[in-house]
Protein backbone atom coordinates (compact mmCIF):
# COMPACT_ATOMS: atom_id res chain seq x y z
CA MET A 1 -19.47 4.18 44.50
CA ASP A 2 -17.38 7.38 44.41
CA ILE A 3 -13.97 8.92 43.03
CA PRO A 4 -10.38 7.88 44.61
CA ARG A 5 -10.37 9.69 47.79
CA ILE A 6 -8.01 11.26 47.22
CA PHE A 7 -8.87 13.37 44.61
CA ASN A 8 -12.76 14.43 47.56
CA ILE A 9 -9.71 16.11 49.45
CA THR A 10 -7.96 17.63 46.79
CA GLU A 11 -10.83 19.08 45.09
CA SER A 12 -12.58 19.62 47.98
CA ALA A 13 -13.67 23.33 47.63
CA HIS A 14 -13.67 23.34 43.84
CA ARG A 15 -17.08 24.33 42.29
CA ILE A 16 -15.16 23.08 38.48
CA HIS A 17 -13.15 20.27 38.27
CA ASN A 18 -11.06 21.57 35.21
CA PRO A 19 -9.43 24.07 33.92
CA PHE A 20 -12.15 26.32 32.72
CA THR A 21 -13.39 28.52 35.06
CA PRO A 22 -16.28 30.57 35.47
CA GLU A 23 -16.10 32.74 32.99
CA LYS A 24 -14.63 30.79 29.94
CA PHE A 25 -18.28 28.78 30.46
CA ALA A 26 -20.61 31.65 30.43
CA SER A 27 -18.09 31.93 27.16
CA LEU A 28 -18.89 28.73 25.72
CA GLY A 29 -22.75 28.60 26.76
CA ALA A 30 -23.14 32.73 24.73
CA ALA A 31 -21.28 30.48 22.58
CA LEU A 32 -24.46 28.17 21.92
CA ARG A 33 -26.48 30.25 21.58
CA LEU A 34 -28.75 28.33 24.94
CA GLU A 35 -32.56 29.16 24.14
CA THR A 36 -34.56 29.00 27.80
CA GLY A 37 -35.88 25.62 28.83
CA ALA A 38 -32.96 23.44 26.75
CA ARG A 39 -32.59 20.61 27.84
CA VAL A 40 -28.94 19.44 28.68
CA LEU A 41 -27.42 16.23 30.00
CA ASP A 42 -23.81 16.94 31.82
CA LEU A 43 -22.20 13.52 32.32
CA GLY A 44 -19.45 13.83 35.07
CA SER A 45 -21.47 16.54 36.16
CA GLY A 46 -18.76 16.85 39.02
CA SER A 47 -20.19 20.25 41.38
CA GLY A 48 -22.47 20.96 38.64
CA GLU A 49 -21.00 24.59 37.59
CA MET A 50 -21.83 24.55 34.62
CA LEU A 51 -25.28 23.65 34.65
CA CYS A 52 -25.95 25.52 37.22
CA THR A 53 -24.94 28.12 36.17
CA TRP A 54 -26.72 28.53 32.62
CA ALA A 55 -30.03 26.71 34.71
CA ARG A 56 -29.27 30.64 36.13
CA ASP A 57 -28.27 32.76 33.24
CA TYR A 58 -29.82 30.97 30.09
CA GLY A 59 -33.15 29.29 31.74
CA ILE A 60 -31.69 25.76 30.73
CA ILE A 61 -32.74 22.79 32.20
CA GLY A 62 -30.20 20.34 33.02
CA THR A 63 -29.50 16.14 34.62
CA GLY A 64 -25.57 15.48 35.87
CA ILE A 65 -24.88 11.96 36.36
CA ASP A 66 -21.74 12.04 39.00
CA MET A 67 -19.95 8.74 40.87
CA SER A 68 -18.91 10.85 43.85
CA PRO A 69 -21.29 11.94 46.88
CA LEU A 70 -19.75 15.36 47.67
CA PHE A 71 -19.64 16.86 44.09
CA THR A 72 -23.29 15.48 43.63
CA GLU A 73 -23.89 17.57 47.22
CA GLN A 74 -22.28 20.29 45.97
CA ALA A 75 -24.59 20.65 43.17
CA LYS A 76 -27.61 20.02 45.11
CA ARG A 77 -26.69 22.83 47.09
CA ARG A 78 -25.40 24.93 44.41
CA ALA A 79 -28.41 25.04 42.99
CA GLU A 80 -30.73 25.71 45.79
CA GLU A 81 -27.86 28.52 46.25
CA LEU A 82 -28.32 30.20 43.08
CA GLY A 83 -32.53 29.44 43.43
CA VAL A 84 -32.34 26.73 40.36
CA ALA A 85 -33.61 23.74 41.84
CA ASP A 86 -36.30 23.39 40.53
CA GLN A 87 -34.15 22.95 36.61
CA VAL A 88 -31.35 21.15 36.99
CA LYS A 89 -31.01 17.56 38.85
CA PHE A 90 -28.00 15.94 40.15
CA ILE A 91 -27.63 12.53 40.06
CA HIS A 92 -25.97 10.13 42.08
CA GLY A 93 -24.03 7.47 40.12
CA ASP A 94 -22.24 5.52 36.67
CA ALA A 95 -22.41 7.72 34.35
CA ALA A 96 -21.21 4.85 31.89
CA GLY A 97 -23.13 3.24 29.68
CA TYR A 98 -26.33 6.73 30.91
CA VAL A 99 -28.54 7.25 28.92
CA SER A 100 -31.18 9.81 29.16
CA ASP A 101 -34.87 8.60 28.96
CA GLU A 102 -35.58 12.00 27.26
CA LYS A 103 -33.71 13.52 24.12
CA VAL A 104 -32.06 16.01 24.63
CA ASP A 105 -30.66 19.25 23.61
CA VAL A 106 -26.67 19.03 24.80
CA ALA A 107 -25.06 16.33 25.68
CA ALA A 108 -21.51 16.90 27.66
CA CYS A 109 -19.37 14.54 28.70
CA VAL A 110 -16.36 17.93 29.93
CA GLY A 111 -12.90 15.99 31.02
CA ALA A 112 -14.30 12.76 31.84
CA THR A 113 -14.03 10.68 28.69
CA TRP A 114 -12.96 8.03 30.53
CA ILE A 115 -16.31 7.07 31.11
CA GLY A 116 -16.59 6.02 27.35
CA GLY A 117 -13.05 4.44 26.70
CA GLY A 118 -11.88 7.60 25.73
CA VAL A 119 -12.89 10.65 23.04
CA ALA A 120 -14.65 7.98 20.39
CA GLY A 121 -16.64 5.80 22.41
CA THR A 122 -17.95 8.76 24.83
CA ILE A 123 -19.18 10.99 22.03
CA GLU A 124 -20.51 7.07 20.71
CA LEU A 125 -22.54 6.71 24.48
CA LEU A 126 -23.51 10.96 24.56
CA ALA A 127 -25.29 10.62 20.98
CA ARG A 128 -28.33 7.72 22.48
CA SER A 129 -29.16 10.69 24.41
CA LEU A 130 -29.02 14.14 22.19
CA CYS A 131 -32.42 14.21 19.94
CA THR A 132 -32.00 15.08 15.62
CA GLY A 133 -30.14 18.22 15.02
CA GLY A 134 -28.52 18.29 19.12
CA ILE A 135 -25.25 18.97 19.87
CA ILE A 136 -21.87 17.39 22.25
CA LEU A 137 -20.06 18.79 24.00
CA ILE A 138 -16.49 16.68 24.68
CA GLY A 139 -13.94 18.24 26.78
CA GLU A 140 -11.24 17.16 26.19
CA PRO A 141 -6.60 17.87 26.83
CA TYR A 142 -4.99 18.05 23.78
CA TRP A 143 -0.99 19.10 23.68
CA ARG A 144 0.18 22.92 23.05
CA GLN A 145 3.17 21.80 22.31
CA LEU A 146 4.57 17.98 21.71
CA PRO A 147 6.56 16.79 24.44
CA PRO A 148 10.48 15.81 23.22
CA THR A 149 10.47 13.08 25.95
CA GLU A 150 8.12 10.28 27.33
CA GLU A 151 9.84 11.30 30.72
CA VAL A 152 8.08 14.40 30.01
CA ALA A 153 4.45 13.39 28.60
CA LYS A 154 5.21 11.66 32.35
CA GLY A 155 5.68 14.76 33.62
CA CYS A 156 2.80 15.87 32.46
CA LEU A 157 0.53 12.66 34.38
CA VAL A 158 0.01 11.33 30.96
CA GLY A 159 0.79 7.76 30.74
CA SER A 160 2.58 8.62 26.99
CA ILE A 161 2.28 11.02 23.91
CA ALA A 162 0.66 9.07 22.50
CA ASP A 163 -2.45 9.67 25.24
CA TYR A 164 -3.34 13.09 23.35
CA LEU A 165 -2.70 14.84 20.31
CA PRO A 166 -2.47 18.23 19.27
CA LEU A 167 -5.15 20.86 18.48
CA PRO A 168 -4.98 20.08 14.96
CA GLU A 169 -4.77 16.51 15.49
CA LEU A 170 -7.77 16.65 17.53
CA LEU A 171 -9.82 18.69 15.96
CA ALA A 172 -9.27 16.34 12.73
CA PHE A 173 -9.95 13.19 14.20
CA PHE A 174 -13.41 14.53 15.49
CA GLY A 175 -14.47 15.08 11.60
CA HIS A 176 -12.84 11.45 11.01
CA LEU A 177 -15.86 10.98 13.20
CA GLY A 178 -18.38 11.67 11.25
CA TYR A 179 -18.94 15.47 13.58
CA ASP A 180 -17.80 19.08 12.82
CA VAL A 181 -16.25 21.05 15.09
CA VAL A 182 -19.45 23.72 15.64
CA GLU A 183 -17.83 26.10 18.76
CA MET A 184 -14.22 25.52 20.49
CA VAL A 185 -13.44 27.09 23.76
CA LEU A 186 -9.63 26.79 25.11
CA ALA A 187 -8.56 27.49 28.69
CA ASP A 188 -5.85 29.48 29.45
CA GLN A 189 -2.73 29.32 31.40
CA ASP A 190 -4.70 31.40 34.27
CA GLY A 191 -7.26 28.16 34.34
CA TRP A 192 -4.70 25.81 34.74
CA ASP A 193 -3.57 27.71 37.34
CA ARG A 194 -6.52 28.17 38.97
CA TYR A 195 -8.00 24.35 38.54
CA GLU A 196 -4.52 22.93 40.06
CA ALA A 197 -2.86 26.00 42.15
CA ALA A 198 -5.78 25.68 44.30
CA LYS A 199 -5.87 22.38 45.51
CA TRP A 200 -2.53 23.54 47.36
CA LEU A 201 -4.19 25.44 49.95
CA THR A 202 -6.72 22.91 49.64
CA MET A 203 -4.17 20.07 51.03
CA ARG A 204 -1.78 22.19 53.47
CA ARG A 205 -5.80 23.51 54.94
CA TRP A 206 -6.08 19.56 55.56
CA LEU A 207 -3.06 18.17 57.21
CA GLU A 208 -3.21 20.56 59.53
CA ALA A 209 -6.52 19.12 60.16
CA ASN A 210 -5.73 15.81 59.57
CA PRO A 211 -2.04 14.80 60.91
CA GLU A 212 -2.79 11.03 61.44
CA ASP A 213 -5.38 10.39 58.08
CA GLU A 214 -3.43 7.21 56.62
CA LEU A 215 -3.62 9.41 53.47
CA ALA A 216 -1.28 12.38 55.14
CA LYS A 217 1.85 11.05 53.94
CA GLU A 218 0.23 11.12 50.10
CA ILE A 219 -0.27 14.25 50.41
CA ARG A 220 2.27 15.26 51.72
CA ALA A 221 4.30 13.88 48.92
CA GLN A 222 1.99 15.70 46.61
CA LEU A 223 2.59 19.22 48.09
CA THR A 224 5.52 19.56 48.56
CA SER A 225 6.56 18.61 45.17
CA GLU A 226 3.29 19.03 42.30
CA PRO A 227 3.87 22.88 43.05
CA GLU A 228 6.82 22.43 40.64
CA ARG A 229 6.05 19.66 38.79
CA TYR A 230 2.79 21.23 37.57
CA VAL A 231 5.16 24.79 35.80
CA LYS A 232 7.49 22.79 34.16
CA TYR A 233 5.13 20.06 32.83
CA THR A 234 1.81 20.41 32.55
CA ARG A 235 1.90 24.27 32.46
CA GLU A 236 4.12 24.24 29.56
CA TYR A 237 3.18 21.18 27.69
CA LEU A 238 -0.98 20.89 27.68
CA GLY A 239 -4.09 22.17 26.25
CA TRP A 240 -7.59 21.50 27.64
CA GLY A 241 -10.66 22.71 25.94
CA VAL A 242 -14.35 22.25 25.03
CA PHE A 243 -15.89 21.64 21.82
CA ALA A 244 -18.71 21.21 20.36
CA LEU A 245 -19.65 19.02 17.65
CA MET A 246 -22.92 18.06 15.25
CA LYS A 247 -23.52 15.43 13.46
CA ARG A 248 -22.77 15.81 10.15
């Protein structure tokens, strides 16, 4: 069980696999008013930065599930590095359908809502692990500005304009599902830069070390095209945020 190899290559040096920065995760933890001993479940936990830093800074107890063996091992090493290995555990597994044996105070899916077939299904999945009065966290893209054409949407690596909503409509959608939006922290363009541009040096170094690899041509093509594509499309049109929800 693993994610496509290309992501393990291009994001191998990332601690955060989305457009958030460490400062944004710190802001989110503070905004949630996390208390010592609060239990947090993170489906699609990546390299574990959110859980590890919240364990260090706020004293939470966390469990993360991720399909990537590489990212899971990185998360375990990060927990050891920050001295929180006794507070957080990371499981290599399929987060789709995962329900915690013990109810949690915060159930999160920060940027992997495909595990539930979309936002609505992922919220439904997370709710199954949540204690009464708990908070669901959803990390999701939205349109900063609507693409003028479907071609521009595809330039953002999105299937169609309809795949995402503008921010007001996204917040309204959470309401239609029966949830109050009680907090949000939004990524900014610097966060997007740190997520996307950091891949380019990783790809270049990987190409230098693996010129004969079967993915070398694909990585070379991506490195050649990605900087221009990113600044022309994703950076201008696509937003990203984490939204805190409570059942009405």
